[in-house]
Amino acid sequence: MGKWLEVNGEAIYESEVYSKKADEGVYYTQRDGNIYAITNTFPSKETLFAEIDYSDKYNVTLLGSDAKVELIDRDGKLGLKADICAPEDVACEHLYVFKLS
């Protein structure tokens, strides 16, 4: 847990809930104008964040990785997919955090 918070703590510490409604396995927080989309789906697979409207203006990063993140328009909602192949490409396990700014 400590290592996960070291990588992803900005999505937790001093953050607020972004949306109380979310699909199973997806959680949202916000802090300092950023949205954090937290998922248990391995980020190389596309994940739909149904509570976030699609915009090509988002600058998206996957915390703990320098992988490129693809933004996908799914009927006006945001889909994300990171260009990674293996778990060792991300500095954490179990829950993955996309930062949208």
C-alpha atoms as a PDB file:
ATOM      1  CA  MET A   1       0.000   0.000   0.000  1.00  0.00           C
ATOM      2  CA  GLY A   2       2.845   2.386   0.816  1.00  0.00           C
ATOM      3  CA  LYS A   3       4.450   1.959  -2.608  1.00  0.00           C
ATOM      4  CA  TRP A   4       1.093   2.492  -4.325  1.00  0.00           C
ATOM      5  CA  LEU A   5       0.526   5.726  -2.386  1.00  0.00           C
ATOM      6  CA  GLU A   6       4.059   6.861  -3.179  1.00  0.00           C
ATOM      7  CA  VAL A   7       3.221   6.645  -6.903  1.00  0.00           C
ATOM      8  CA  ASN A   8      -0.453   7.649  -6.813  1.00  0.00           C
ATOM      9  CA  GLY A   9      -0.838   9.683  -3.627  1.00  0.00           C
ATOM     10  CA  GLU A  10      -1.684  12.898  -5.475  1.00  0.00           C
ATOM     11  CA  ALA A  11      -4.977  11.250  -6.493  1.00  0.00           C
ATOM     12  CA  ILE A  12      -5.787  10.535  -2.831  1.00  0.00           C
ATOM     13  CA  TYR A  13      -4.236  13.082  -0.472  1.00  0.00           C
ATOM     14  CA  GLU A  14      -6.169  16.371  -0.246  1.00  0.00           C
ATOM     15  CA  SER A  15      -8.473  15.232  -3.062  1.00  0.00           C
ATOM     16  CA  GLU A  16     -12.251  15.331  -3.268  1.00  0.00           C
ATOM     17  CA  VAL A  17     -14.752  12.992  -4.879  1.00  0.00           C
ATOM     18  CA  TYR A  18     -15.267  13.895  -8.547  1.00  0.00           C
ATOM     19  CA  SER A  19     -18.306  11.699  -9.115  1.00  0.00           C
ATOM     20  CA  LYS A  20     -20.209   9.519  -6.680  1.00  0.00           C
ATOM     21  CA  LYS A  21     -21.659   7.505  -9.551  1.00  0.00           C
ATOM     22  CA  ALA A  22     -19.209   5.235 -11.307  1.00  0.00           C
ATOM     23  CA  ASP A  23     -19.050   1.886 -13.038  1.00  0.00           C
ATOM     24  CA  GLU A  24     -17.816  -1.036 -10.988  1.00  0.00           C
ATOM     25  CA  GLY A  25     -14.039  -0.943 -10.694  1.00  0.00           C
ATOM     26  CA  VAL A  26     -13.805   2.773 -11.536  1.00  0.00           C
ATOM     27  CA  TYR A  27     -13.351   5.628  -9.063  1.00  0.00           C
ATOM     28  CA  TYR A  28     -12.849   9.367  -9.525  1.00  0.00           C
ATOM     29  CA  THR A  29     -11.204  12.064  -7.461  1.00  0.00           C
ATOM     30  CA  GLN A  30     -10.246  15.656  -8.190  1.00  0.00           C
ATOM     31  CA  ARG A  31      -7.605  18.023  -6.929  1.00  0.00           C
ATOM     32  CA  ASP A  32      -6.094  21.306  -8.104  1.00  0.00           C
ATOM     33  CA  GLY A  33      -8.151  21.293 -11.323  1.00  0.00           C
ATOM     34  CA  ASN A  34      -7.107  17.751 -12.249  1.00  0.00           C
ATOM     35  CA  ILE A  35      -9.373  14.718 -12.518  1.00  0.00           C
ATOM     36  CA  TYR A  36      -7.996  11.342 -11.415  1.00  0.00           C
ATOM     37  CA  ALA A  37      -9.633   8.277 -12.965  1.00  0.00           C
ATOM     38  CA  ILE A  38      -8.731   5.185 -10.960  1.00  0.00           C
ATOM     39  CA  THR A  39      -9.377   1.735 -12.385  1.00  0.00           C
ATOM     40  CA  ASN A  40      -8.595  -1.873 -11.630  1.00  0.00           C
ATOM     41  CA  THR A  41      -8.399  -2.679 -15.360  1.00  0.00           C
ATOM     42  CA  PHE A  42      -4.834  -3.122 -16.611  1.00  0.00           C
ATOM     43  CA  PRO A  43      -4.208   0.105 -18.565  1.00  0.00           C
ATOM     44  CA  SER A  44      -3.117  -1.546 -21.833  1.00  0.00           C
ATOM     45  CA  LYS A  45      -6.779  -2.442 -22.345  1.00  0.00           C
ATOM     46  CA  GLU A  46      -9.198   0.310 -23.206  1.00  0.00           C
ATOM     47  CA  THR A  47     -11.182   1.534 -20.217  1.00  0.00           C
ATOM     48  CA  LEU A  48     -14.332   3.614 -20.589  1.00  0.00           C
ATOM     49  CA  PHE A  49     -14.754   6.410 -18.056  1.00  0.00           C
ATOM     50  CA  ALA A  50     -18.479   7.002 -18.524  1.00  0.00           C
ATOM     51  CA  GLU A  51     -18.643   9.911 -16.081  1.00  0.00           C
ATOM     52  CA  ILE A  52     -16.181  11.984 -18.119  1.00  0.00           C
ATOM     53  CA  ASP A  53     -17.145  13.623 -21.413  1.00  0.00           C
ATOM     54  CA  TYR A  54     -14.652  13.138 -24.238  1.00  0.00           C
ATOM     55  CA  SER A  55     -12.391  16.058 -25.114  1.00  0.00           C
ATOM     56  CA  ASP A  56      -9.238  16.014 -27.196  1.00  0.00           C
ATOM     57  CA  LYS A  57      -8.027  18.924 -25.021  1.00  0.00           C
ATOM     58  CA  TYR A  58      -7.164  16.628 -22.105  1.00  0.00           C
ATOM     59  CA  ASN A  59      -3.522  16.089 -21.277  1.00  0.00           C
ATOM     60  CA  VAL A  60      -3.564  12.548 -19.876  1.00  0.00           C
ATOM     61  CA  THR A  61      -0.817  10.669 -18.080  1.00  0.00           C
ATOM     62  CA  LEU A  62      -0.718   7.310 -16.356  1.00  0.00           C
ATOM     63  CA  LEU A  63       0.838   7.863 -12.939  1.00  0.00           C
ATOM     64  CA  GLY A  64       3.928   5.726 -12.430  1.00  0.00           C
ATOM     65  CA  SER A  65       4.574   5.348 -16.155  1.00  0.00           C
ATOM     66  CA  ASP A  66       5.892   7.400 -19.038  1.00  0.00           C
ATOM     67  CA  ALA A  67       3.728   5.496 -21.529  1.00  0.00           C
ATOM     68  CA  LYS A  68       1.742   7.391 -24.135  1.00  0.00           C
ATOM     69  CA  VAL A  69      -2.003   7.404 -23.365  1.00  0.00           C
ATOM     70  CA  GLU A  70      -4.521   7.227 -26.196  1.00  0.00           C
ATOM     71  CA  LEU A  71      -7.762   9.211 -25.858  1.00  0.00           C
ATOM     72  CA  ILE A  72     -10.750   7.482 -27.456  1.00  0.00           C
ATOM     73  CA  ASP A  73     -14.161   9.000 -28.169  1.00  0.00           C
ATOM     74  CA  ARG A  74     -16.850   6.474 -27.228  1.00  0.00           C
ATOM     75  CA  ASP A  75     -20.150   8.146 -28.101  1.00  0.00           C
ATOM     76  CA  GLY A  76     -19.073  11.347 -26.372  1.00  0.00           C
ATOM     77  CA  LYS A  77     -17.556   9.623 -23.331  1.00  0.00           C
ATOM     78  CA  LEU A  78     -13.860   9.197 -22.592  1.00  0.00           C
ATOM     79  CA  GLY A  79     -11.996   5.978 -23.264  1.00  0.00           C
ATOM     80  CA  LEU A  80      -8.325   5.645 -22.335  1.00  0.00           C
ATOM     81  CA  LYS A  81      -5.655   3.127 -23.242  1.00  0.00           C
ATOM     82  CA  ALA A  82      -1.948   3.248 -22.359  1.00  0.00           C
ATOM     83  CA  ASP A  83       0.782   2.067 -24.694  1.00  0.00           C
ATOM     84  CA  ILE A  84       2.212  -0.536 -22.316  1.00  0.00           C
ATOM     85  CA  CYS A  85       2.605  -4.284 -22.603  1.00  0.00           C
ATOM     86  CA  ALA A  86       3.575  -5.660 -19.214  1.00  0.00           C
ATOM     87  CA  PRO A  87       2.976  -4.952 -15.530  1.00  0.00           C
ATOM     88  CA  GLU A  88       6.600  -3.917 -15.062  1.00  0.00           C
ATOM     89  CA  ASP A  89       5.875  -0.918 -17.348  1.00  0.00           C
ATOM     90  CA  VAL A  90       3.907   0.657 -14.475  1.00  0.00           C
ATOM     91  CA  ALA A  91       5.329   1.431 -11.032  1.00  0.00           C
ATOM     92  CA  CYS A  92       2.324  -0.030  -9.178  1.00  0.00           C
ATOM     93  CA  GLU A  93      -0.160  -2.904  -9.223  1.00  0.00           C
ATOM     94  CA  HIS A  94      -3.869  -3.550  -8.751  1.00  0.00           C
ATOM     95  CA  LEU A  95      -5.261  -0.015  -9.226  1.00  0.00           C
ATOM     96  CA  TYR A  96      -4.086   2.306 -11.993  1.00  0.00           C
ATOM     97  CA  VAL A  97      -4.487   6.075 -12.019  1.00  0.00           C
ATOM     98  CA  PHE A  98      -4.962   8.263 -15.086  1.00  0.00           C
ATOM     99  CA  LYS A  99      -4.446  11.980 -14.478  1.00  0.00           C
ATOM    100  CA  LEU A 100      -6.454  14.333 -16.674  1.00  0.00           C
ATOM    101  CA  SER A 101      -5.444  17.960 -16.773  1.00  0.00           C
END
